C-alpha atoms as a PDB file:
ATOM      1  CA  MET A   1     182.106 101.976-117.438  1.00  0.00           C
ATOM      2  CA  LYS A   2     185.133 101.170-119.539  1.00  0.00           C
ATOM      3  CA  ILE A   3     185.072  97.705-121.132  1.00  0.00           C
ATOM      4  CA  ASN A   4     188.257  96.393-122.787  1.00  0.00           C
ATOM      5  CA  ILE A   5     187.822  93.227-124.821  1.00  0.00           C
ATOM      6  CA  THR A   6     190.968  91.600-126.180  1.00  0.00           C
ATOM      7  CA  SER A   7     190.793  88.744-128.650  1.00  0.00           C
ATOM      8  CA  ARG A   8     193.849  86.565-129.245  1.00  0.00           C
ATOM      9  CA  HIS A   9     194.402  84.369-132.314  1.00  0.00           C
ATOM     10  CA  GLU A  10     191.087  85.267-133.916  1.00  0.00           C
ATOM     11  CA  LYS A  11     189.127  88.370-134.847  1.00  0.00           C
ATOM     12  CA  LEU A  12     186.553  89.653-132.342  1.00  0.00           C
ATOM     13  CA  THR A  13     183.039  89.390-133.754  1.00  0.00           C
ATOM     14  CA  GLU A  14     180.245  91.802-132.957  1.00  0.00           C
ATOM     15  CA  GLY A  15     178.194  88.938-131.491  1.00  0.00           C
ATOM     16  CA  LEU A  16     180.919  88.036-128.981  1.00  0.00           C
ATOM     17  CA  LYS A  17     181.364  91.685-128.065  1.00  0.00           C
ATOM     18  CA  ASN A  18     177.625  92.156-127.424  1.00  0.00           C
ATOM     19  CA  HIS A  19     177.460  88.901-125.455  1.00  0.00           C
ATOM     20  CA  VAL A  20     180.308  89.997-123.159  1.00  0.00           C
ATOM     21  CA  GLU A  21     178.750  93.450-122.603  1.00  0.00           C
ATOM     22  CA  ASP A  22     175.350  91.928-121.750  1.00  0.00           C
ATOM     23  CA  LYS A  23     176.912  89.551-119.216  1.00  0.00           C
ATOM     24  CA  ILE A  24     178.902  92.363-117.590  1.00  0.00           C
ATOM     25  CA  GLN A  25     175.670  94.347-117.167  1.00  0.00           C
ATOM     26  CA  ARG A  26     174.340  91.458-115.062  1.00  0.00           C
ATOM     27  CA  VAL A  27     177.370  91.650-112.763  1.00  0.00           C
ATOM     28  CA  GLU A  28     177.015  95.419-112.473  1.00  0.00           C
ATOM     29  CA  ARG A  29     173.676  95.154-110.684  1.00  0.00           C
ATOM     30  CA  TYR A  30     175.453  93.540-107.718  1.00  0.00           C
ATOM     31  CA  LEU A  31     178.458  95.862-107.545  1.00  0.00           C
ATOM     32  CA  GLY A  32     176.906  99.152-108.515  1.00  0.00           C
ATOM     33  CA  LYS A  33     179.115 101.186-110.795  1.00  0.00           C
ATOM     34  CA  ILE A  34     181.963  99.226-112.348  1.00  0.00           C
ATOM     35  CA  LYS A  35     184.979 101.400-113.134  1.00  0.00           C
ATOM     36  CA  GLU A  36     186.669  99.078-115.581  1.00  0.00           C
ATOM     37  CA  ALA A  37     186.201  95.633-117.076  1.00  0.00           C
ATOM     38  CA  HIS A  38     188.867  93.747-118.998  1.00  0.00           C
ATOM     39  CA  VAL A  39     187.996  90.544-120.852  1.00  0.00           C
ATOM     40  CA  ILE A  40     190.571  88.445-122.705  1.00  0.00           C
ATOM     41  CA  LEU A  41     189.263  85.908-125.221  1.00  0.00           C
ATOM     42  CA  ASN A  42     191.915  83.383-126.222  1.00  0.00           C
ATOM     43  CA  PHE A  43     191.237  81.032-129.125  1.00  0.00           C
ATOM     44  CA  GLU A  44     193.541  78.002-128.998  1.00  0.00           C
ATOM     45  CA  LYS A  45     193.385  74.699-130.920  1.00  0.00           C
ATOM     46  CA  ASN A  46     190.440  72.951-129.262  1.00  0.00           C
ATOM     47  CA  VAL A  47     190.082  75.149-126.199  1.00  0.00           C
ATOM     48  CA  HIS A  48     188.531  78.578-125.844  1.00  0.00           C
ATOM     49  CA  VAL A  49     189.618  80.559-122.794  1.00  0.00           C
ATOM     50  CA  CYS A  50     187.881  83.587-121.288  1.00  0.00           C
ATOM     51  CA  GLU A  51     189.619  85.620-118.588  1.00  0.00           C
ATOM     52  CA  ALA A  52     187.684  88.500-117.034  1.00  0.00           C
ATOM     53  CA  THR A  53     188.731  91.135-114.519  1.00  0.00           C
ATOM     54  CA  LEU A  54     186.437  93.787-113.026  1.00  0.00           C
ATOM     55  CA  ALA A  55     187.418  96.830-111.006  1.00  0.00           C
ATOM     56  CA  ALA A  56     184.748  98.492-108.887  1.00  0.00           C
ATOM     57  CA  LYS A  57     184.946 100.777-105.870  1.00  0.00           C
ATOM     58  CA  ASN A  58     187.572  99.251-103.511  1.00  0.00           C
ATOM     59  CA  LEU A  59     187.170  95.849-105.145  1.00  0.00           C
ATOM     60  CA  LYS A  60     188.778  93.769-107.899  1.00  0.00           C
ATOM     61  CA  LEU A  61     187.274  90.513-109.105  1.00  0.00           C
ATOM     62  CA  SER A  62     188.652  88.055-111.623  1.00  0.00           C
ATOM     63  CA  ALA A  63     187.622  84.735-113.136  1.00  0.00           C
ATOM     64  CA  LYS A  64     188.783  82.350-115.834  1.00  0.00           C
ATOM     65  CA  ALA A  65     186.928  79.629-117.706  1.00  0.00           C
ATOM     66  CA  THR A  66     187.723  77.216-120.529  1.00  0.00           C
ATOM     67  CA  SER A  67     185.526  75.142-122.821  1.00  0.00           C
ATOM     68  CA  ARG A  68     185.195  74.037-126.438  1.00  0.00           C
ATOM     69  CA  ASP A  69     182.820  76.931-127.224  1.00  0.00           C
ATOM     70  CA  MET A  70     183.718  80.599-126.633  1.00  0.00           C
ATOM     71  CA  TYR A  71     180.148  81.536-125.640  1.00  0.00           C
ATOM     72  CA  GLN A  72     180.201  78.839-122.944  1.00  0.00           C
ATOM     73  CA  SER A  73     183.564  80.115-121.702  1.00  0.00           C
ATOM     74  CA  ILE A  74     182.230  83.670-121.489  1.00  0.00           C
ATOM     75  CA  ASP A  75     179.094  82.490-119.699  1.00  0.00           C
ATOM     76  CA  ALA A  76     181.094  80.430-117.189  1.00  0.00           C
ATOM     77  CA  ALA A  77     183.674  83.144-116.430  1.00  0.00           C
ATOM     78  CA  LEU A  78     181.137  85.924-116.030  1.00  0.00           C
ATOM     79  CA  SER A  79     178.870  83.636-114.015  1.00  0.00           C
ATOM     80  CA  ARG A  80     181.776  83.148-111.606  1.00  0.00           C
ATOM     81  CA  LEU A  81     182.242  86.916-111.454  1.00  0.00           C
ATOM     82  CA  GLU A  82     178.543  87.324-110.782  1.00  0.00           C
ATOM     83  CA  THR A  83     178.775  84.838-107.899  1.00  0.00           C
ATOM     84  CA  GLN A  84     181.763  86.693-106.446  1.00  0.00           C
ATOM     85  CA  ALA A  85     179.949  90.022-106.784  1.00  0.00           C
ATOM     86  CA  GLN A  86     176.854  88.619-105.086  1.00  0.00           C
ATOM     87  CA  LYS A  87     178.970  87.338-102.181  1.00  0.00           C
ATOM     88  CA  GLN A  88     180.585  90.757-101.819  1.00  0.00           C
ATOM     89  CA  LYS A  89     177.180  92.430-101.822  1.00  0.00           C
ATOM     90  CA  ASP A  90     175.860  90.021 -99.185  1.00  0.00           C
ATOM     91  CA  LYS A  91     178.988  90.532 -97.134  1.00  0.00           C
ATOM     92  CA  ARG A  92     178.540  94.319 -97.198  1.00  0.00           C
ATOM     93  CA  ALA A  93     174.844  94.059 -96.391  1.00  0.00           C
ATOM     94  CA  GLY A  94     175.530  91.642 -93.543  1.00  0.00           C
ATOM     95  CA  HIS A  95     178.211  93.951 -92.171  1.00  0.00           C
ATOM     96  CA  TYR A  96     175.883  96.926 -92.041  1.00  0.00           C
ATOM     97  CA  ARG A  97     173.026  94.828 -90.711  1.00  0.00           C
ATOM     98  CA  ALA A  98     175.215  93.581 -87.857  1.00  0.00           C
ATOM     99  CA  LYS A  99     176.223  97.136 -86.965  1.00  0.00           C
ATOM    100  CA  GLY A 100     172.654  98.393 -86.684  1.00  0.00           C
ATOM    101  CA  GLU A 101     171.265  95.315 -84.978  1.00  0.00           C
ATOM    102  CA  ARG A 102     169.463  95.841 -81.686  1.00  0.00           C
ATOM    103  CA  SER A 103     168.238  93.398 -79.127  1.00  0.00           C
ATOM    104  CA  VAL A 104     164.599  92.475 -79.403  1.00  0.00           C
ATOM    105  CA  VAL A 105     162.664  93.185 -76.237  1.00  0.00           C
ATOM    106  CA  SER A 106     159.753  90.877 -75.564  1.00  0.00           C
ATOM    107  CA  ASP A 107     157.935  90.168 -72.323  1.00  0.00           C
ATOM    108  CA  GLY A 108     160.097  92.717 -70.544  1.00  0.00           C
ATOM    109  CA  GLY A 109     163.436  91.003 -71.301  1.00  0.00           C
ATOM    110  CA  VAL A 110     166.198  90.878 -73.866  1.00  0.00           C
ATOM    111  CA  SER A 111     166.062  88.088 -76.429  1.00  0.00           C
ATOM    112  CA  ASP A 112     168.021  84.951 -75.597  1.00  0.00           C
ATOM    113  CA  PRO A 113     171.426  84.567 -77.286  1.00  0.00           C
ATOM    114  CA  ALA A 114     172.135  81.586 -79.511  1.00  0.00           C
ATOM    115  CA  GLU A 115     173.588  78.478 -77.874  1.00  0.00           C
ATOM    116  CA  ASN A 116     177.228  79.263 -78.610  1.00  0.00           C
ATOM    117  CA  GLU A 117     176.858  83.030 -78.480  1.00  0.00           C
ATOM    118  CA  GLU A 118     178.310  84.820 -75.502  1.00  0.00           C
ATOM    119  CA  ILE A 119     176.736  87.941 -74.018  1.00  0.00           C
ATOM    120  CA  LYS A 120     179.199  90.844 -74.016  1.00  0.00           C
ATOM    121  CA  VAL A 121     178.985  94.307 -72.509  1.00  0.00           C
ATOM    122  CA  ILE A 122     180.044  96.558 -75.358  1.00  0.00           C
ATOM    123  CA  LYS A 123     179.989  99.975 -73.732  1.00  0.00           C
ATOM    124  CA  THR A 124     180.087 101.191 -70.156  1.00  0.00           C
ATOM    125  CA  LYS A 125     179.118 104.712 -69.222  1.00  0.00           C
ATOM    126  CA  LYS A 126     179.462 106.258 -65.769  1.00  0.00           C
ATOM    127  CA  PHE A 127     177.924 109.536 -64.691  1.00  0.00           C
ATOM    128  CA  ALA A 128     176.818 111.301 -61.554  1.00  0.00           C
ATOM    129  CA  LEU A 129     173.118 110.969 -60.660  1.00  0.00           C
ATOM    130  CA  LYS A 130     171.524 114.380 -60.365  1.00  0.00           C
ATOM    131  CA  PRO A 131     168.696 114.856 -57.871  1.00  0.00           C
ATOM    132  CA  MET A 132     165.590 116.051 -59.721  1.00  0.00           C
ATOM    133  CA  THR A 133     161.864 115.520 -59.925  1.00  0.00           C
ATOM    134  CA  VAL A 134     160.203 113.232 -62.456  1.00  0.00           C
ATOM    135  CA  GLU A 135     158.942 116.256 -64.425  1.00  0.00           C
ATOM    136  CA  GLU A 136     162.447 117.772 -64.603  1.00  0.00           C
ATOM    137  CA  ALA A 137     163.873 114.444 -65.780  1.00  0.00           C
ATOM    138  CA  ALA A 138     161.134 114.119 -68.430  1.00  0.00           C
ATOM    139  CA  MET A 139     161.860 117.639 -69.733  1.00  0.00           C
ATOM    140  CA  GLN A 140     165.602 116.916 -69.857  1.00  0.00           C
ATOM    141  CA  LEU A 141     165.003 113.627 -71.700  1.00  0.00           C
ATOM    142  CA  ALA A 142     162.697 115.336 -74.203  1.00  0.00           C
ATOM    143  CA  ALA A 143     165.442 117.880 -74.947  1.00  0.00           C
ATOM    144  CA  THR A 144     167.986 115.162 -75.876  1.00  0.00           C
ATOM    145  CA  LYS A 145     168.236 112.376 -78.435  1.00  0.00           C
ATOM    146  CA  ASP A 146     168.822 109.791 -75.707  1.00  0.00           C
ATOM    147  CA  GLU A 147     166.373 106.921 -75.286  1.00  0.00           C
ATOM    148  CA  PHE A 148     166.442 106.998 -71.478  1.00  0.00           C
ATOM    149  CA  LEU A 149     167.764 108.997 -68.514  1.00  0.00           C
ATOM    150  CA  VAL A 150     168.837 107.635 -65.136  1.00  0.00           C
ATOM    151  CA  PHE A 151     168.368 110.138 -62.300  1.00  0.00           C
ATOM    152  CA  TYR A 152     168.095 110.401 -58.517  1.00  0.00           C
ATOM    153  CA  ASN A 153     164.422 110.995 -57.731  1.00  0.00           C
ATOM    154  CA  ALA A 154     164.321 113.857 -55.206  1.00  0.00           C
ATOM    155  CA  GLU A 155     160.706 113.034 -54.249  1.00  0.00           C
ATOM    156  CA  ASN A 156     161.276 109.469 -53.003  1.00  0.00           C
ATOM    157  CA  GLU A 157     165.109 109.565 -52.713  1.00  0.00           C
ATOM    158  CA  ARG A 158     165.671 106.589 -55.029  1.00  0.00           C
ATOM    159  CA  THR A 159     167.296 105.994 -58.395  1.00  0.00           C
ATOM    160  CA  SER A 160     164.747 106.060 -61.227  1.00  0.00           C
ATOM    161  CA  VAL A 161     164.705 105.907 -65.012  1.00  0.00           C
ATOM    162  CA  VAL A 162     162.613 107.847 -67.522  1.00  0.00           C
ATOM    163  CA  TYR A 163     162.495 106.508 -71.090  1.00  0.00           C
ATOM    164  CA  LYS A 164     160.989 107.358 -74.464  1.00  0.00           C
ATOM    165  CA  ARG A 165     158.246 104.972 -75.523  1.00  0.00           C
ATOM    166  CA  ALA A 166     157.359 103.915 -79.051  1.00  0.00           C
ATOM    167  CA  ASP A 167     154.128 105.970 -78.847  1.00  0.00           C
ATOM    168  CA  HIS A 168     156.224 109.147 -78.247  1.00  0.00           C
ATOM    169  CA  GLN A 169     155.254 109.293 -74.596  1.00  0.00           C
ATOM    170  CA  ILE A 170     157.661 109.142 -71.667  1.00  0.00           C
ATOM    171  CA  GLY A 171     157.675 106.212 -69.262  1.00  0.00           C
ATOM    172  CA  LEU A 172     158.999 105.970 -65.696  1.00  0.00           C
ATOM    173  CA  ILE A 173     160.745 103.004 -64.066  1.00  0.00           C
ATOM    174  CA  GLU A 174     161.019 102.977 -60.288  1.00  0.00           C
ATOM    175  CA  PRO A 175     162.654 100.077 -58.456  1.00  0.00           C
ATOM    176  CA  GLU A 176     160.878  98.173 -55.693  1.00  0.00           C
ATOM    177  CA  TYR A 177     162.912  97.470 -52.554  1.00  0.00           C
END
């Protein structure tokens, strides 16, 4: 990680430099590897200003803080960056969690949606039902990565479903008419 610290109107002390580096390390745990960090410390009459900009993978964050003490300005600015980084991390985690989410099956049904949530059919797949026996369907299902197989049962001339169970066995669903 490349850290640029610029001090205006006063010399940069080793204590300030170490303080900035320590605070940036805290932000790094949320973003992973930070490519570049640029911190500008501006000493004015009665106001100390800290401006910080971080560049990570596909992300740029910046914050600015002022106070009467430079250490407080650094703490406030980098605390704001830490908050932004945490929000970005939560946003990424929530995005991936939403992608991999599955419906919870309990008591033979799909979990109820929230009050304002609408049920949507995301994907539709059409295919021809092949006549086969239950054993043939089970062998075909075992040879694929699919969770279930819909087939035309040649023994009773009805549509049936074979599915993979959690205990690595194969189950059969036959409709009642």
